[in-house]
N, C-alpha and C. Protein backbone atom coordinates (compact mmCIF):
# COMPACT_ATOMS: atom_id res chain seq x y z
N MET A 1 1.15 -1.03 0.11
CA MET A 1 -0.36 -0.06 0.04
C MET A 1 0.77 1.64 0.28
N VAL A 2 0.60 1.84 -1.04
CA VAL A 2 1.29 3.60 -1.23
C VAL A 2 0.67 4.69 -0.30
N SER A 3 0.87 5.20 0.30
CA SER A 3 0.56 6.29 0.96
C SER A 3 0.93 7.49 0.47
N VAL A 4 0.32 8.86 0.35
CA VAL A 4 0.66 10.19 -0.33
C VAL A 4 0.61 10.82 0.90
N ARG A 5 1.87 11.80 0.62
CA ARG A 5 1.95 12.63 1.54
C ARG A 5 2.09 14.12 0.98
N SER A 6 1.72 14.91 1.39
CA SER A 6 1.40 16.04 0.23
C SER A 6 2.89 17.27 0.96
N CYS A 7 3.38 18.05 0.08
CA CYS A 7 4.35 18.97 0.40
C CYS A 7 4.18 20.18 0.60
N ASP A 8 4.52 20.65 1.55
CA ASP A 8 4.14 22.31 1.89
C ASP A 8 5.21 23.15 0.85
N ASP A 9 6.22 22.96 1.04
CA ASP A 9 7.07 23.67 0.05
C ASP A 9 6.82 23.68 -1.58
N ALA A 10 7.15 25.06 -1.93
CA ALA A 10 6.49 25.63 -3.38
C ALA A 10 7.89 25.00 -4.45
N ALA A 11 8.77 24.02 -3.91
CA ALA A 11 9.57 23.58 -4.80
C ALA A 11 9.54 22.33 -5.17
N CYS A 12 8.32 21.85 -4.47
CA CYS A 12 7.67 20.53 -4.57
C CYS A 12 6.23 20.42 -5.35
N SER A 13 6.43 19.72 -6.52
CA SER A 13 5.52 20.12 -7.60
C SER A 13 4.91 18.78 -7.55
N ALA A 14 5.38 17.53 -7.08
CA ALA A 14 4.60 16.20 -7.39
C ALA A 14 4.34 15.31 -5.76
N PRO A 15 3.42 14.72 -5.56
CA PRO A 15 3.38 14.16 -4.08
C PRO A 15 4.43 13.25 -4.10
N LEU A 16 4.87 13.01 -2.52
CA LEU A 16 5.71 12.21 -2.48
C LEU A 16 5.01 11.01 -1.83
N PHE A 17 5.72 9.78 -2.39
CA PHE A 17 5.78 8.59 -2.01
C PHE A 17 6.31 7.61 -1.05
N ASP A 18 6.17 6.78 -0.17
CA ASP A 18 6.44 6.13 0.85
C ASP A 18 7.06 4.79 -0.03
N GLY A 19 8.44 4.78 -0.76
CA GLY A 19 8.60 4.06 -1.42
C GLY A 19 9.14 4.19 -2.52
N LYS A 20 9.28 3.52 -3.70
CA LYS A 20 9.61 3.32 -4.80
C LYS A 20 8.08 4.11 -5.96
N ASP A 21 8.60 5.23 -6.54
CA ASP A 21 7.75 5.73 -7.56
C ASP A 21 7.38 4.75 -8.86
N ALA A 22 6.07 5.05 -9.39
CA ALA A 22 5.54 3.82 -10.10
C ALA A 22 6.34 3.58 -11.17
N CYS A 23 7.17 4.59 -12.16
CA CYS A 23 8.23 4.78 -12.89
C CYS A 23 9.41 3.78 -12.72
N MET A 24 9.76 3.44 -11.07
CA MET A 24 10.74 2.43 -10.96
C MET A 24 10.07 1.25 -11.01
N ASN A 25 8.61 1.06 -10.41
CA ASN A 25 8.54 -0.29 -10.31
C ASN A 25 8.21 -0.60 -11.77
N ASP A 26 7.72 -0.39 -12.96
CA ASP A 26 7.53 -0.69 -14.01
C ASP A 26 8.64 -1.04 -14.95
N GLN A 27 9.89 -0.69 -14.52
CA GLN A 27 11.27 -0.84 -14.76
C GLN A 27 11.55 -2.45 -14.50
N GLU A 28 11.26 -2.44 -12.72
CA GLU A 28 11.43 -3.79 -12.38
C GLU A 28 11.00 -4.87 -12.84
N GLN A 29 9.40 -4.59 -13.44
CA GLN A 29 8.33 -5.54 -13.58
C GLN A 29 9.21 -6.25 -15.14
N ASN A 30 9.39 -5.39 -15.99
CA ASN A 30 9.94 -5.53 -17.57
C ASN A 30 11.56 -6.62 -17.51
N GLN A 31 12.09 -6.15 -16.11
CA GLN A 31 13.28 -7.04 -16.37
C GLN A 31 13.50 -8.38 -16.31
N ALA A 32 14.17 -9.18 -16.84
CA ALA A 32 14.72 -10.61 -16.53
C ALA A 32 15.02 -10.72 -15.41
N PRO A 33 14.56 -11.48 -14.45
CA PRO A 33 15.24 -12.23 -13.12
C PRO A 33 16.56 -12.58 -13.27
N ALA A 34 18.04 -11.82 -12.62
CA ALA A 34 18.90 -11.88 -12.33
C ALA A 34 19.60 -13.55 -12.18
N ARG A 35 20.41 -13.60 -12.78
CA ARG A 35 21.13 -15.24 -12.88
C ARG A 35 22.34 -15.03 -11.52
N PRO A 36 22.10 -15.72 -10.47
CA PRO A 36 22.67 -16.04 -9.78
C PRO A 36 24.21 -16.30 -9.92
N ARG A 37 24.86 -15.40 -8.87
CA ARG A 37 26.47 -15.03 -8.94
C ARG A 37 27.03 -16.41 -8.46
N LEU A 38 27.93 -16.52 -8.94
CA LEU A 38 29.29 -17.88 -8.45
C LEU A 38 29.80 -16.64 -7.35
N GLY A 39 30.31 -17.80 -6.74
CA GLY A 39 31.28 -16.68 -5.89
C GLY A 39 32.73 -17.95 -5.08
N GLY A 40 33.92 -16.96 -5.48
CA GLY A 40 35.16 -17.49 -5.64
C GLY A 40 35.93 -17.78 -4.44
N GLY A 41 35.23 -16.92 -3.28
CA GLY A 41 35.92 -16.66 -2.09
C GLY A 41 36.09 -18.07 -1.34
N ILE A 42 35.21 -19.30 -1.67
CA ILE A 42 36.00 -20.74 -0.88
C ILE A 42 36.92 -20.91 -1.13
N PHE A 43 37.35 -20.50 -2.53
CA PHE A 43 38.77 -20.90 -2.82
C PHE A 43 40.06 -20.27 -1.74
N LEU A 44 39.60 -18.89 -2.06
CA LEU A 44 40.94 -18.17 -1.14
C LEU A 44 40.68 -18.92 0.48
N PHE A 45 39.95 -19.02 1.10
CA PHE A 45 39.80 -19.41 2.50
C PHE A 45 40.43 -20.78 2.23
N VAL A 46 39.86 -22.04 1.55
CA VAL A 46 40.78 -23.34 0.92
C VAL A 46 42.08 -23.55 0.99
N GLY A 47 42.48 -22.56 -0.30
CA GLY A 47 43.76 -22.52 -0.48
C GLY A 47 44.40 -22.05 0.84
N LEU A 48 44.31 -21.29 1.42
CA LEU A 48 44.76 -20.98 2.71
C LEU A 48 45.00 -22.05 3.71
N LEU A 49 44.01 -22.09 3.99
CA LEU A 49 43.92 -23.98 4.64
C LEU A 49 45.28 -24.93 4.24
N ILE A 50 44.79 -25.33 3.22
CA ILE A 50 45.61 -26.39 2.48
C ILE A 50 46.98 -26.01 2.64
N GLY A 51 47.04 -24.77 2.44
CA GLY A 51 48.45 -24.23 1.87
C GLY A 51 49.26 -23.96 3.20
N SER A 52 48.46 -23.88 4.46
CA SER A 52 49.06 -23.83 5.83
C SER A 52 49.37 -24.85 6.55
N ILE A 53 48.67 -26.27 5.92
CA ILE A 53 48.99 -27.63 6.26
C ILE A 53 49.92 -28.38 6.03
N ALA A 54 49.69 -27.57 4.46
CA ALA A 54 51.03 -28.34 3.71
C ALA A 54 52.72 -27.32 4.24
N GLY A 55 52.34 -26.61 4.27
CA GLY A 55 53.52 -25.54 4.74
C GLY A 55 54.06 -26.30 6.10
N ILE A 56 53.24 -26.08 7.26
CA ILE A 56 53.74 -26.91 8.90
C ILE A 56 54.17 -28.20 8.45
N ALA A 57 53.41 -29.30 7.52
CA ALA A 57 54.05 -30.51 7.15
C ALA A 57 55.58 -30.07 6.70
N LEU A 58 56.01 -29.45 5.88
CA LEU A 58 57.06 -29.13 5.35
C LEU A 58 57.97 -28.15 6.26
N ASN A 59 57.34 -27.85 7.12
CA ASN A 59 58.29 -26.94 8.25
C ASN A 59 58.60 -25.46 7.33
N GLU A 60 57.56 -25.21 6.78
CA GLU A 60 57.56 -23.69 5.75
C GLU A 60 55.93 -23.09 5.86
N PRO A 61 55.63 -22.80 6.92
CA PRO A 61 54.42 -22.29 7.27
C PRO A 61 54.07 -21.36 6.22
N SER A 62 54.74 -20.16 6.13
CA SER A 62 54.44 -18.69 5.06
C SER A 62 54.55 -18.96 4.27
N ILE A 63 55.48 -19.78 3.63
CA ILE A 63 55.45 -19.85 1.96
C ILE A 63 54.33 -21.13 1.63
N GLY A 64 53.97 -21.72 2.71
CA GLY A 64 52.65 -22.64 2.41
C GLY A 64 51.48 -21.59 2.34
N MET A 65 51.52 -21.02 3.19
CA MET A 65 50.10 -20.24 3.25
C MET A 65 50.24 -18.98 2.12
N ILE A 66 51.32 -18.45 2.00
CA ILE A 66 51.49 -17.87 0.91
C ILE A 66 51.07 -18.36 -0.64
N SER A 67 51.48 -19.68 -1.01
CA SER A 67 51.04 -19.98 -2.07
C SER A 67 49.91 -20.73 -1.95
N GLY A 68 49.27 -21.18 -0.66
CA GLY A 68 48.09 -21.34 -1.18
C GLY A 68 47.29 -20.34 -1.19
N PHE A 69 47.25 -19.04 -0.74
CA PHE A 69 46.81 -18.18 -1.05
C PHE A 69 46.64 -17.88 -2.48
N GLY A 70 47.72 -17.99 -3.27
CA GLY A 70 48.27 -17.58 -5.20
C GLY A 70 47.19 -18.76 -5.50
N VAL A 71 47.34 -19.54 -5.11
CA VAL A 71 46.65 -20.81 -6.17
C VAL A 71 44.97 -20.08 -5.90
N GLY A 72 44.51 -20.51 -4.49
CA GLY A 72 43.02 -20.09 -4.11
C GLY A 72 43.13 -18.53 -5.05
N GLY A 73 43.67 -17.88 -4.95
CA GLY A 73 43.28 -16.45 -5.46
C GLY A 73 43.35 -16.71 -7.17
N LEU A 74 43.89 -17.30 -7.38
CA LEU A 74 43.95 -18.21 -9.34
C LEU A 74 42.74 -18.28 -9.65
N LEU A 75 42.27 -19.75 -8.57
CA LEU A 75 40.89 -20.31 -8.66
C LEU A 75 39.57 -19.11 -8.83
N ALA A 76 39.92 -17.81 -7.90
CA ALA A 76 38.80 -17.27 -7.77
C ALA A 76 38.78 -16.52 -8.73
N ILE A 77 40.28 -15.97 -9.38
CA ILE A 77 40.03 -15.42 -10.66
C ILE A 77 39.36 -15.76 -11.90
N LEU A 78 39.53 -17.21 -11.95
CA LEU A 78 39.06 -17.98 -13.10
C LEU A 78 37.46 -18.27 -12.94
N ILE A 79 36.90 -18.24 -11.41
CA ILE A 79 35.48 -18.57 -11.57
C ILE A 79 34.78 -16.93 -11.79
N TRP A 80 35.69 -15.77 -11.38
CA TRP A 80 34.97 -14.43 -11.89
C TRP A 80 34.99 -14.19 -13.03
N LEU A 81 36.01 -14.99 -14.11
CA LEU A 81 36.12 -14.57 -15.63
C LEU A 81 34.99 -15.85 -16.19
N PHE A 82 34.53 -16.61 -15.53
CA PHE A 82 33.80 -17.64 -16.19
C PHE A 82 32.60 -17.26 -15.78
N ASP A 83 32.09 -16.93 -14.69
CA ASP A 83 30.70 -15.99 -14.25
C ASP A 83 30.55 -14.73 -15.38
N SER A 84 31.83 -13.80 -15.39
CA SER A 84 31.48 -12.77 -16.03
C SER A 84 30.83 -12.99 -17.94
N LYS A 85 31.94 -14.31 -17.95
CA LYS A 85 31.33 -14.83 -19.71
C LYS A 85 30.02 -14.93 -19.75
N ARG A 86 29.92 -16.09 -18.61
CA ARG A 86 28.11 -16.51 -18.46
C ARG A 86 27.14 -15.56 -18.14
N GLY A 87 27.42 -14.91 -17.84
CA GLY A 87 26.24 -13.38 -17.52
C GLY A 87 26.28 -12.57 -18.37
N SER A 88 27.33 -12.14 -19.69
CA SER A 88 27.08 -11.33 -20.66
C SER A 88 26.61 -12.23 -21.93
N LYS A 89 26.32 -13.73 -21.93
CA LYS A 89 26.07 -14.00 -23.08
C LYS A 89 24.26 -13.95 -22.99
N GLY A 90 23.61 -14.09 -21.73
CA GLY A 90 22.71 -14.17 -21.44
C GLY A 90 21.93 -12.56 -22.25
N ARG A 91 22.85 -11.47 -21.94
CA ARG A 91 22.08 -10.03 -22.53
C ARG A 91 21.95 -10.80 -23.95
């Protein structure tokens, strides 16, 4: 339900609405539903975790963590690129 409030100001020529106006609602109804986005953040976490564990096993935890972060970051970027190409096909 939309309630209309009046404006006492001379600069206000149209009534104010609580919420979105009719033009915005029409545009939203005409748009196709957006595809869900893919997330690559899990690869950053898993890369850090596995890299740290492997680094501890090799007595180099810092190098393992940095290399795990690099591999996880690379996978996250690949997911982002794949998702951006997938999204541009539907347009």
